[in-house]
């Protein structure tokens, strides 16, 4: 009962090897060990934000909105130029073919 040419045994060995490479599934759900499995010594420290006054916050928001408007306007201009170029190219090809 060798199940033909060792295919099943090879499959079982591969499953064992893959299982051995994984970290243990048990400790990461038991208490708070999950953090320690993949973490390094350098812990992530969240950046502390300084308090901002209402005027300054409004100024920052306006600045972001202005930059977004400018970027949107630039994208629309580039899209318009692209459309004009494509239409000109199509008309040129149609004239050249006829």
PDB file of N, CA and C in Angstrom:
ATOM      1  N   UNK A   1       0.825  -1.190   0.000  1.00  0.00           N
ATOM      2  CA  UNK A   1       0.000   0.000   0.000  1.00  0.00           C
ATOM      3  C   UNK A   1       0.874   1.260   0.000  1.00  0.00           C
ATOM      4  N   UNK A   2       1.606   1.460  -1.055  1.00  0.00           N
ATOM      5  CA  UNK A   2       2.473   2.629  -1.104  1.00  0.00           C
ATOM      6  C   UNK A   2       1.824   3.793  -1.833  1.00  0.00           C
ATOM      7  N   UNK A   3       0.613   3.618  -2.300  1.00  0.00           N
ATOM      8  CA  UNK A   3      -0.152   4.663  -2.989  1.00  0.00           C
ATOM      9  C   UNK A   3       0.566   5.193  -4.222  1.00  0.00           C
ATOM     10  N   UNK A   4       1.439   4.464  -4.802  1.00  0.00           N
ATOM     11  CA  UNK A   4       2.035   4.795  -6.082  1.00  0.00           C
ATOM     12  C   UNK A   4       3.110   5.861  -6.049  1.00  0.00           C
ATOM     13  N   UNK A   5       4.338   5.468  -6.216  1.00  0.00           N
ATOM     14  CA  UNK A   5       5.502   6.325  -6.455  1.00  0.00           C
ATOM     15  C   UNK A   5       5.770   7.360  -5.369  1.00  0.00           C
ATOM     16  N   UNK A   6       5.225   7.222  -4.202  1.00  0.00           N
ATOM     17  CA  UNK A   6       5.555   8.112  -3.095  1.00  0.00           C
ATOM     18  C   UNK A   6       4.934   9.489  -3.150  1.00  0.00           C
ATOM     19  N   UNK A   7       3.943   9.689  -3.975  1.00  0.00           N
ATOM     20  CA  UNK A   7       3.327  11.007  -4.092  1.00  0.00           C
ATOM     21  C   UNK A   7       2.649  11.431  -2.795  1.00  0.00           C
ATOM     22  N   UNK A   8       1.958  10.508  -2.164  1.00  0.00           N
ATOM     23  CA  UNK A   8       1.246  10.841  -0.930  1.00  0.00           C
ATOM     24  C   UNK A   8       2.242  11.126   0.181  1.00  0.00           C
ATOM     25  N   UNK A   9       3.311  10.318   0.260  1.00  0.00           N
ATOM     26  CA  UNK A   9       4.324  10.534   1.295  1.00  0.00           C
ATOM     27  C   UNK A   9       5.012  11.889   1.100  1.00  0.00           C
ATOM     28  N   UNK A  10       5.277  12.237  -0.149  1.00  0.00           N
ATOM     29  CA  UNK A  10       5.871  13.531  -0.447  1.00  0.00           C
ATOM     30  C   UNK A  10       4.940  14.657  -0.009  1.00  0.00           C
ATOM     31  N   UNK A  11       3.657  14.507  -0.265  1.00  0.00           N
ATOM     32  CA  UNK A  11       2.686  15.516   0.142  1.00  0.00           C
ATOM     33  C   UNK A  11       2.661  15.660   1.665  1.00  0.00           C
ATOM     34  N   UNK A  12       2.675  14.539   2.377  1.00  0.00           N
ATOM     35  CA  UNK A  12       2.657  14.579   3.841  1.00  0.00           C
ATOM     36  C   UNK A  12       3.915  15.257   4.368  1.00  0.00           C
ATOM     37  N   UNK A  13       5.071  14.953   3.786  1.00  0.00           N
ATOM     38  CA  UNK A  13       6.319  15.585   4.224  1.00  0.00           C
ATOM     39  C   UNK A  13       6.303  17.086   3.975  1.00  0.00           C
ATOM     40  N   UNK A  14       5.775  17.508   2.854  1.00  0.00           N
ATOM     41  CA  UNK A  14       5.691  18.948   2.566  1.00  0.00           C
ATOM     42  C   UNK A  14       4.773  19.657   3.561  1.00  0.00           C
ATOM     43  N   UNK A  15       3.663  19.021   3.893  1.00  0.00           N
ATOM     44  CA  UNK A  15       2.757  19.613   4.876  1.00  0.00           C
ATOM     45  C   UNK A  15       3.441  19.760   6.226  1.00  0.00           C
ATOM     46  N   UNK A  16       4.214  18.750   6.637  1.00  0.00           N
ATOM     47  CA  UNK A  16       4.946  18.822   7.909  1.00  0.00           C
ATOM     48  C   UNK A  16       5.959  19.963   7.885  1.00  0.00           C
ATOM     49  N   UNK A  17       6.694  20.091   6.781  1.00  0.00           N
ATOM     50  CA  UNK A  17       7.706  21.134   6.685  1.00  0.00           C
ATOM     51  C   UNK A  17       7.068  22.522   6.709  1.00  0.00           C
ATOM     52  N   UNK A  18       5.968  22.695   6.008  1.00  0.00           N
ATOM     53  CA  UNK A  18       5.288  23.991   6.006  1.00  0.00           C
ATOM     54  C   UNK A  18       4.740  24.326   7.383  1.00  0.00           C
ATOM     55  N   UNK A  19       4.216  23.323   8.074  1.00  0.00           N
ATOM     56  CA  UNK A  19       3.676  23.536   9.408  1.00  0.00           C
ATOM     57  C   UNK A  19       4.795  23.925  10.376  1.00  0.00           C
ATOM     58  N   UNK A  20       5.977  23.362  10.180  1.00  0.00           N
ATOM     59  CA  UNK A  20       7.101  23.655  11.066  1.00  0.00           C
ATOM     60  C   UNK A  20       7.599  25.088  10.887  1.00  0.00           C
ATOM     61  N   UNK A  21       7.399  25.674   9.727  1.00  0.00           N
ATOM     62  CA  UNK A  21       7.882  27.033   9.477  1.00  0.00           C
ATOM     63  C   UNK A  21       6.995  28.098  10.091  1.00  0.00           C
ATOM     64  N   UNK A  22       5.750  27.771  10.360  1.00  0.00           N
ATOM     65  CA  UNK A  22       4.829  28.752  10.929  1.00  0.00           C
ATOM     66  C   UNK A  22       5.084  28.935  12.417  1.00  0.00           C
ATOM     67  N   UNK A  23       4.859  30.147  12.947  1.00  0.00           N
ATOM     68  CA  UNK A  23       4.922  30.309  14.404  1.00  0.00           C
ATOM     69  C   UNK A  23       3.731  29.604  15.032  1.00  0.00           C
ATOM     70  N   UNK A  24       3.858  29.293  16.265  1.00  0.00           N
ATOM     71  CA  UNK A  24       2.797  28.561  16.944  1.00  0.00           C
ATOM     72  C   UNK A  24       1.503  29.358  16.926  1.00  0.00           C
ATOM     73  N   UNK A  25       0.405  28.691  16.649  1.00  0.00           N
ATOM     74  CA  UNK A  25      -0.891  29.360  16.624  1.00  0.00           C
ATOM     75  C   UNK A  25      -1.456  29.539  18.026  1.00  0.00           C
ATOM     76  N   UNK A  26      -1.005  28.750  18.967  1.00  0.00           N
ATOM     77  CA  UNK A  26      -1.622  28.759  20.287  1.00  0.00           C
ATOM     78  C   UNK A  26      -1.324  30.009  21.109  1.00  0.00           C
ATOM     79  N   UNK A  27      -0.065  30.413  21.290  1.00  0.00           N
ATOM     80  CA  UNK A  27       0.177  31.519  22.218  1.00  0.00           C
ATOM     81  C   UNK A  27      -0.340  32.869  21.749  1.00  0.00           C
ATOM     82  N   UNK A  28      -0.521  33.079  20.459  1.00  0.00           N
ATOM     83  CA  UNK A  28      -0.923  34.414  20.031  1.00  0.00           C
ATOM     84  C   UNK A  28      -2.376  34.726  20.349  1.00  0.00           C
ATOM     85  N   UNK A  29      -3.187  33.730  20.655  1.00  0.00           N
ATOM     86  CA  UNK A  29      -4.566  33.993  21.041  1.00  0.00           C
ATOM     87  C   UNK A  29      -4.773  33.836  22.537  1.00  0.00           C
ATOM     88  N   UNK A  30      -3.760  33.383  23.209  1.00  0.00           N
ATOM     89  CA  UNK A  30      -3.856  33.194  24.645  1.00  0.00           C
ATOM     90  C   UNK A  30      -3.172  34.390  25.297  1.00  0.00           C
ATOM     91  N   UNK A  31      -3.919  35.201  25.961  1.00  0.00           N
ATOM     92  CA  UNK A  31      -3.466  36.445  26.587  1.00  0.00           C
ATOM     93  C   UNK A  31      -2.971  37.413  25.523  1.00  0.00           C
ATOM     94  N   UNK A  32      -1.841  38.069  25.747  1.00  0.00           N
ATOM     95  CA  UNK A  32      -1.389  39.107  24.815  1.00  0.00           C
ATOM     96  C   UNK A  32      -0.017  38.752  24.240  1.00  0.00           C
ATOM     97  N   UNK A  33       0.153  37.550  23.741  1.00  0.00           N
ATOM     98  CA  UNK A  33       1.435  37.137  23.186  1.00  0.00           C
ATOM     99  C   UNK A  33       1.558  37.429  21.698  1.00  0.00           C
ATOM    100  N   UNK A  34       0.498  37.814  21.056  1.00  0.00           N
ATOM    101  CA  UNK A  34       0.513  38.027  19.610  1.00  0.00           C
ATOM    102  C   UNK A  34       1.530  39.097  19.217  1.00  0.00           C
ATOM    103  N   UNK A  35       1.653  40.111  20.013  1.00  0.00           N
ATOM    104  CA  UNK A  35       2.558  41.207  19.700  1.00  0.00           C
ATOM    105  C   UNK A  35       3.998  40.724  19.603  1.00  0.00           C
ATOM    106  N   UNK A  36       4.386  39.790  20.444  1.00  0.00           N
ATOM    107  CA  UNK A  36       5.773  39.358  20.503  1.00  0.00           C
ATOM    108  C   UNK A  36       6.214  38.460  19.374  1.00  0.00           C
ATOM    109  N   UNK A  37       5.312  37.870  18.633  1.00  0.00           N
ATOM    110  CA  UNK A  37       5.708  36.916  17.600  1.00  0.00           C
ATOM    111  C   UNK A  37       6.406  37.615  16.442  1.00  0.00           C
ATOM    112  N   UNK A  38       5.842  38.680  15.930  1.00  0.00           N
ATOM    113  CA  UNK A  38       6.377  39.327  14.741  1.00  0.00           C
ATOM    114  C   UNK A  38       7.063  40.659  15.033  1.00  0.00           C
ATOM    115  N   UNK A  39       7.069  41.111  16.248  1.00  0.00           N
ATOM    116  CA  UNK A  39       7.609  42.436  16.531  1.00  0.00           C
ATOM    117  C   UNK A  39       9.120  42.391  16.669  1.00  0.00           C
ATOM    118  N   UNK A  40       9.723  43.532  16.474  1.00  0.00           N
ATOM    119  CA  UNK A  40      11.160  43.655  16.654  1.00  0.00           C
ATOM    120  C   UNK A  40      11.412  44.474  17.912  1.00  0.00           C
ATOM    121  N   UNK A  41      12.671  44.746  18.170  1.00  0.00           N
ATOM    122  CA  UNK A  41      13.003  45.516  19.370  1.00  0.00           C
ATOM    123  C   UNK A  41      12.600  46.980  19.225  1.00  0.00           C
ATOM    124  N   UNK A  42      12.551  47.472  17.997  1.00  0.00           N
ATOM    125  CA  UNK A  42      12.163  48.859  17.754  1.00  0.00           C
ATOM    126  C   UNK A  42      10.645  48.945  17.728  1.00  0.00           C
ATOM    127  N   UNK A  43      10.080  49.451  18.772  1.00  0.00           N
ATOM    128  CA  UNK A  43       8.628  49.583  18.856  1.00  0.00           C
ATOM    129  C   UNK A  43       8.192  50.860  18.142  1.00  0.00           C
ATOM    130  N   UNK A  44       7.018  50.824  17.568  1.00  0.00           N
ATOM    131  CA  UNK A  44       6.437  51.995  16.924  1.00  0.00           C
ATOM    132  C   UNK A  44       5.928  52.941  17.997  1.00  0.00           C
ATOM    133  N   UNK A  45       6.342  54.185  17.917  1.00  0.00           N
ATOM    134  CA  UNK A  45       5.878  55.195  18.865  1.00  0.00           C
ATOM    135  C   UNK A  45       4.976  56.166  18.117  1.00  0.00           C
ATOM    136  N   UNK A  46       3.724  56.256  18.518  1.00  0.00           N
ATOM    137  CA  UNK A  46       2.838  57.186  17.826  1.00  0.00           C
ATOM    138  C   UNK A  46       3.309  58.627  18.008  1.00  0.00           C
ATOM    139  N   UNK A  47       3.161  59.394  16.963  1.00  0.00           N
ATOM    140  CA  UNK A  47       3.604  60.776  16.984  1.00  0.00           C
ATOM    141  C   UNK A  47       2.619  61.614  17.790  1.00  0.00           C
ATOM    142  N   UNK A  48       3.160  62.391  18.694  1.00  0.00           N
ATOM    143  CA  UNK A  48       2.287  63.252  19.490  1.00  0.00           C
ATOM    144  C   UNK A  48       2.038  64.546  18.711  1.00  0.00           C
ATOM    145  N   UNK A  49       0.800  64.940  18.638  1.00  0.00           N
ATOM    146  CA  UNK A  49       0.431  66.144  17.903  1.00  0.00           C
ATOM    147  C   UNK A  49       0.278  67.302  18.875  1.00  0.00           C
ATOM    148  N   UNK A  50       0.809  68.428  18.481  1.00  0.00           N
ATOM    149  CA  UNK A  50       0.701  69.593  19.357  1.00  0.00           C
ATOM    150  C   UNK A  50      -0.685  70.207  19.208  1.00  0.00           C
ATOM    151  N   UNK A  51      -1.184  70.824  20.233  1.00  0.00           N
ATOM    152  CA  UNK A  51      -2.509  71.453  20.137  1.00  0.00           C
ATOM    153  C   UNK A  51      -2.462  72.659  19.197  1.00  0.00           C
ATOM    154  N   UNK A  52      -3.530  72.841  18.442  1.00  0.00           N
ATOM    155  CA  UNK A  52      -3.600  73.914  17.456  1.00  0.00           C
ATOM    156  C   UNK A  52      -4.836  74.755  17.752  1.00  0.00           C
ATOM    157  N   UNK A  53      -4.666  76.072  17.633  1.00  0.00           N
ATOM    158  CA  UNK A  53      -5.801  76.961  17.877  1.00  0.00           C
ATOM    159  C   UNK A  53      -6.794  76.866  16.713  1.00  0.00           C
ATOM    160  N   UNK A  54      -7.995  77.384  16.942  1.00  0.00           N
ATOM    161  CA  UNK A  54      -9.047  77.322  15.921  1.00  0.00           C
ATOM    162  C   UNK A  54      -8.663  78.108  14.669  1.00  0.00           C
ATOM    163  N   UNK A  55      -8.043  79.283  14.846  1.00  0.00           N
ATOM    164  CA  UNK A  55      -7.633  80.101  13.700  1.00  0.00           C
ATOM    165  C   UNK A  55      -6.581  79.374  12.867  1.00  0.00           C
ATOM    166  N   UNK A  56      -5.614  78.800  13.570  1.00  0.00           N
ATOM    167  CA  UNK A  56      -4.550  78.095  12.870  1.00  0.00           C
ATOM    168  C   UNK A  56      -5.097  76.856  12.145  1.00  0.00           C
ATOM    169  N   UNK A  57      -6.036  76.179  12.782  1.00  0.00           N
ATOM    170  CA  UNK A  57      -6.655  75.008  12.172  1.00  0.00           C
ATOM    171  C   UNK A  57      -7.427  75.401  10.909  1.00  0.00           C
ATOM    172  N   UNK A  58      -8.145  76.520  10.973  1.00  0.00           N
ATOM    173  CA  UNK A  58      -8.877  77.007   9.800  1.00  0.00           C
ATOM    174  C   UNK A  58      -7.904  77.369   8.680  1.00  0.00           C
ATOM    175  N   UNK A  59      -6.767  77.969   9.045  1.00  0.00           N
ATOM    176  CA  UNK A  59      -5.767  78.341   8.053  1.00  0.00           C
ATOM    177  C   UNK A  59      -5.181  77.089   7.388  1.00  0.00           C
ATOM    178  N   UNK A  60      -4.919  76.072   8.177  1.00  0.00           N
ATOM    179  CA  UNK A  60      -4.378  74.821   7.635  1.00  0.00           C
ATOM    180  C   UNK A  60      -5.387  74.170   6.690  1.00  0.00           C
ATOM    181  N   UNK A  61      -6.653  74.147   7.102  1.00  0.00           N
ATOM    182  CA  UNK A  61      -7.693  73.555   6.255  1.00  0.00           C
ATOM    183  C   UNK A  61      -7.824  74.313   4.941  1.00  0.00           C
ATOM    184  N   UNK A  62      -7.802  75.655   5.006  1.00  0.00           N
ATOM    185  CA  UNK A  62      -7.877  76.463   3.783  1.00  0.00           C
ATOM    186  C   UNK A  62      -6.696  76.177   2.863  1.00  0.00           C
ATOM    187  N   UNK A  63      -5.519  76.049   3.458  1.00  0.00           N
ATOM    188  CA  UNK A  63      -4.318  75.757   2.679  1.00  0.00           C
ATOM    189  C   UNK A  63      -4.460  74.413   1.960  1.00  0.00           C
ATOM    190  N   UNK A  64      -4.964  73.423   2.658  1.00  0.00           N
ATOM    191  CA  UNK A  64      -5.156  72.101   2.056  1.00  0.00           C
ATOM    192  C   UNK A  64      -6.188  72.175   0.938  1.00  0.00           C
ATOM    193  N   UNK A  65      -7.277  72.900   1.171  1.00  0.00           N
ATOM    194  CA  UNK A  65      -8.318  73.034   0.146  1.00  0.00           C
ATOM    195  C   UNK A  65      -7.789  73.746  -1.099  1.00  0.00           C
ATOM    196  N   UNK A  66      -6.991  74.799  -0.892  1.00  0.00           N
ATOM    197  CA  UNK A  66      -6.431  75.537  -2.027  1.00  0.00           C
ATOM    198  C   UNK A  66      -5.497  74.647  -2.844  1.00  0.00           C
ATOM    199  N   UNK A  67      -4.669  73.872  -2.152  1.00  0.00           N
ATOM    200  CA  UNK A  67      -3.777  72.959  -2.871  1.00  0.00           C
ATOM    201  C   UNK A  67      -4.573  71.908  -3.645  1.00  0.00           C
ATOM    202  N   UNK A  68      -5.660  71.427  -3.058  1.00  0.00           N
ATOM    203  CA  UNK A  68      -6.501  70.430  -3.738  1.00  0.00           C
ATOM    204  C   UNK A  68      -7.153  71.041  -4.975  1.00  0.00           C
ATOM    205  N   UNK A  69      -7.633  72.291  -4.857  1.00  0.00           N
ATOM    206  CA  UNK A  69      -8.231  72.976  -6.012  1.00  0.00           C
ATOM    207  C   UNK A  69      -7.209  73.144  -7.129  1.00  0.00           C
ATOM    208  N   UNK A  70      -5.998  73.568  -6.760  1.00  0.00           N
ATOM    209  CA  UNK A  70      -4.945  73.774  -7.748  1.00  0.00           C
ATOM    210  C   UNK A  70      -4.581  72.457  -8.432  1.00  0.00           C
ATOM    211  N   UNK A  71      -4.489  71.408  -7.656  1.00  0.00           N
ATOM    212  CA  UNK A  71      -4.165  70.103  -8.230  1.00  0.00           C
ATOM    213  C   UNK A  71      -5.284  69.618  -9.157  1.00  0.00           C
ATOM    214  N   UNK A  72      -6.526  69.805  -8.735  1.00  0.00           N
ATOM    215  CA  UNK A  72      -7.663  69.403  -9.562  1.00  0.00           C
ATOM    216  C   UNK A  72      -7.683  70.206 -10.871  1.00  0.00           C
ATOM    217  N   UNK A  73      -7.386  71.504 -10.773  1.00  0.00           N
ATOM    218  CA  UNK A  73      -7.359  72.353 -11.965  1.00  0.00           C
ATOM    219  C   UNK A  73      -6.257  71.894 -12.922  1.00  0.00           C
ATOM    220  N   UNK A  74      -5.087  71.578 -12.382  1.00  0.00           N
ATOM    221  CA  UNK A  74      -3.985  71.095 -13.219  1.00  0.00           C
ATOM    222  C   UNK A  74      -4.349  69.776 -13.905  1.00  0.00           C
ATOM    223  N   UNK A  75      -5.008  68.881 -13.175  1.00  0.00           N
ATOM    224  CA  UNK A  75      -5.424  67.609 -13.766  1.00  0.00           C
ATOM    225  C   UNK A  75      -6.440  67.828 -14.882  1.00  0.00           C
ATOM    226  N   UNK A  76      -7.365  68.767 -14.685  1.00  0.00           N
ATOM    227  CA  UNK A  76      -8.363  69.051 -15.714  1.00  0.00           C
ATOM    228  C   UNK A  76      -7.709  69.642 -16.958  1.00  0.00           C
ATOM    229  N   UNK A  77      -6.732  70.510 -16.764  1.00  0.00           N
ATOM    230  CA  UNK A  77      -6.022  71.097 -17.905  1.00  0.00           C
ATOM    231  C   UNK A  77      -5.278  70.011 -18.679  1.00  0.00           C
ATOM    232  N   UNK A  78      -4.586  69.135 -17.970  1.00  0.00           N
ATOM    233  CA  UNK A  78      -3.849  68.055 -18.626  1.00  0.00           C
ATOM    234  C   UNK A  78      -4.807  67.110 -19.357  1.00  0.00           C
ATOM    235  N   UNK A  79      -5.943  66.821 -18.742  1.00  0.00           N
ATOM    236  CA  UNK A  79      -6.942  65.960 -19.375  1.00  0.00           C
ATOM    237  C   UNK A  79      -7.490  66.618 -20.638  1.00  0.00           C
ATOM    238  N   UNK A  80      -7.743  67.922 -20.579  1.00  0.00           N
ATOM    239  CA  UNK A  80      -8.221  68.654 -21.754  1.00  0.00           C
ATOM    240  C   UNK A  80      -7.204  68.625 -22.880  1.00  0.00           C
ATOM    241  N   UNK A  81      -5.939  68.839 -22.550  1.00  0.00           N
ATOM    242  CA  UNK A  81      -4.884  68.790 -23.565  1.00  0.00           C
ATOM    243  C   UNK A  81      -4.811  67.397 -24.180  1.00  0.00           C
ATOM    244  N   UNK A  82      -4.940  66.381 -23.355  1.00  0.00           N
ATOM    245  CA  UNK A  82      -4.906  65.006 -23.849  1.00  0.00           C
ATOM    246  C   UNK A  82      -6.072  64.729 -24.797  1.00  0.00           C
ATOM    247  N   UNK A  83      -7.261  65.201 -24.441  1.00  0.00           N
ATOM    248  CA  UNK A  83      -8.437  65.001 -25.302  1.00  0.00           C
ATOM    249  C   UNK A  83      -8.243  65.707 -26.640  1.00  0.00           C
ATOM    250  N   UNK A  84      -7.752  66.953 -26.609  1.00  0.00           N
ATOM    251  CA  UNK A  84      -7.516  67.695 -27.853  1.00  0.00           C
ATOM    252  C   UNK A  84      -6.495  66.953 -28.709  1.00  0.00           C
ATOM    253  N   UNK A  85      -5.443  66.447 -28.091  1.00  0.00           N
ATOM    254  CA  UNK A  85      -4.411  65.714 -28.824  1.00  0.00           C
ATOM    255  C   UNK A  85      -4.977  64.448 -29.460  1.00  0.00           C
ATOM    256  N   UNK A  86      -5.771  63.696 -28.706  1.00  0.00           N
ATOM    257  CA  UNK A  86      -6.352  62.448 -29.228  1.00  0.00           C
ATOM    258  C   UNK A  86      -7.329  62.743 -30.359  1.00  0.00           C
ATOM    259  N   UNK A  87      -8.174  63.759 -30.198  1.00  0.00           N
ATOM    260  CA  UNK A  87      -9.133  64.112 -31.256  1.00  0.00           C
ATOM    261  C   UNK A  87      -8.381  64.544 -32.511  1.00  0.00           C
ATOM    262  N   UNK A  88      -7.338  65.361 -32.353  1.00  0.00           N
ATOM    263  CA  UNK A  88      -6.535  65.793 -33.495  1.00  0.00           C
ATOM    264  C   UNK A  88      -5.874  64.595 -34.168  1.00  0.00           C
ATOM    265  N   UNK A  89      -5.378  63.669 -33.379  1.00  0.00           N
ATOM    266  CA  UNK A  89      -4.742  62.471 -33.917  1.00  0.00           C
ATOM    267  C   UNK A  89      -5.744  61.619 -34.698  1.00  0.00           C
ATOM    268  N   UNK A  90      -6.941  61.446 -34.161  1.00  0.00           N
ATOM    269  CA  UNK A  90      -7.974  60.655 -34.844  1.00  0.00           C
ATOM    270  C   UNK A  90      -8.382  61.322 -36.154  1.00  0.00           C
ATOM    271  N   UNK A  91      -8.580  62.643 -36.123  1.00  0.00           N
ATOM    272  CA  UNK A  91      -8.949  63.372 -37.349  1.00  0.00           C
ATOM    273  C   UNK A  91      -7.828  63.262 -38.377  1.00  0.00           C
ATOM    274  N   UNK A  92      -6.589  63.388 -37.926  1.00  0.00           N
ATOM    275  CA  UNK A  92      -5.447  63.267 -38.839  1.00  0.00           C
ATOM    276  C   UNK A  92      -5.360  61.892 -39.464  1.00  0.00           C
ATOM    277  N   UNK A  93      -5.600  60.856 -38.687  1.00  0.00           N
ATOM    278  CA  UNK A  93      -5.564  59.491 -39.226  1.00  0.00           C
ATOM    279  C   UNK A  93      -6.697  59.284 -40.224  1.00  0.00           C
ATOM    280  N   UNK A  94      -7.901  59.788 -39.906  1.00  0.00           N
ATOM    281  CA  UNK A  94      -9.036  59.640 -40.824  1.00  0.00           C
ATOM    282  C   UNK A  94      -8.795  60.385 -42.134  1.00  0.00           C
ATOM    283  N   UNK A  95      -8.197  61.572 -42.062  1.00  0.00           N
ATOM    284  CA  UNK A  95      -7.894  62.331 -43.280  1.00  0.00           C
ATOM    285  C   UNK A  95      -6.816  61.606 -44.080  1.00  0.00           C
ATOM    286  N   UNK A  96      -5.830  61.066 -43.422  1.00  0.00           N
ATOM    287  CA  UNK A  96      -4.733  60.378 -44.091  1.00  0.00           C
ATOM    288  C   UNK A  96      -5.211  59.090 -44.775  1.00  0.00           C
ATOM    289  N   UNK A  97      -6.146  58.368 -44.125  1.00  0.00           N
ATOM    290  CA  UNK A  97      -6.665  57.122 -44.693  1.00  0.00           C
ATOM    291  C   UNK A  97      -7.498  57.414 -45.938  1.00  0.00           C
ATOM    292  N   UNK A  98      -8.316  58.465 -45.905  1.00  0.00           N
ATOM    293  CA  UNK A  98      -9.170  58.788 -47.057  1.00  0.00           C
ATOM    294  C   UNK A  98      -8.343  59.537 -48.042  1.00  0.00           C
TER     295      UNK A  98
END
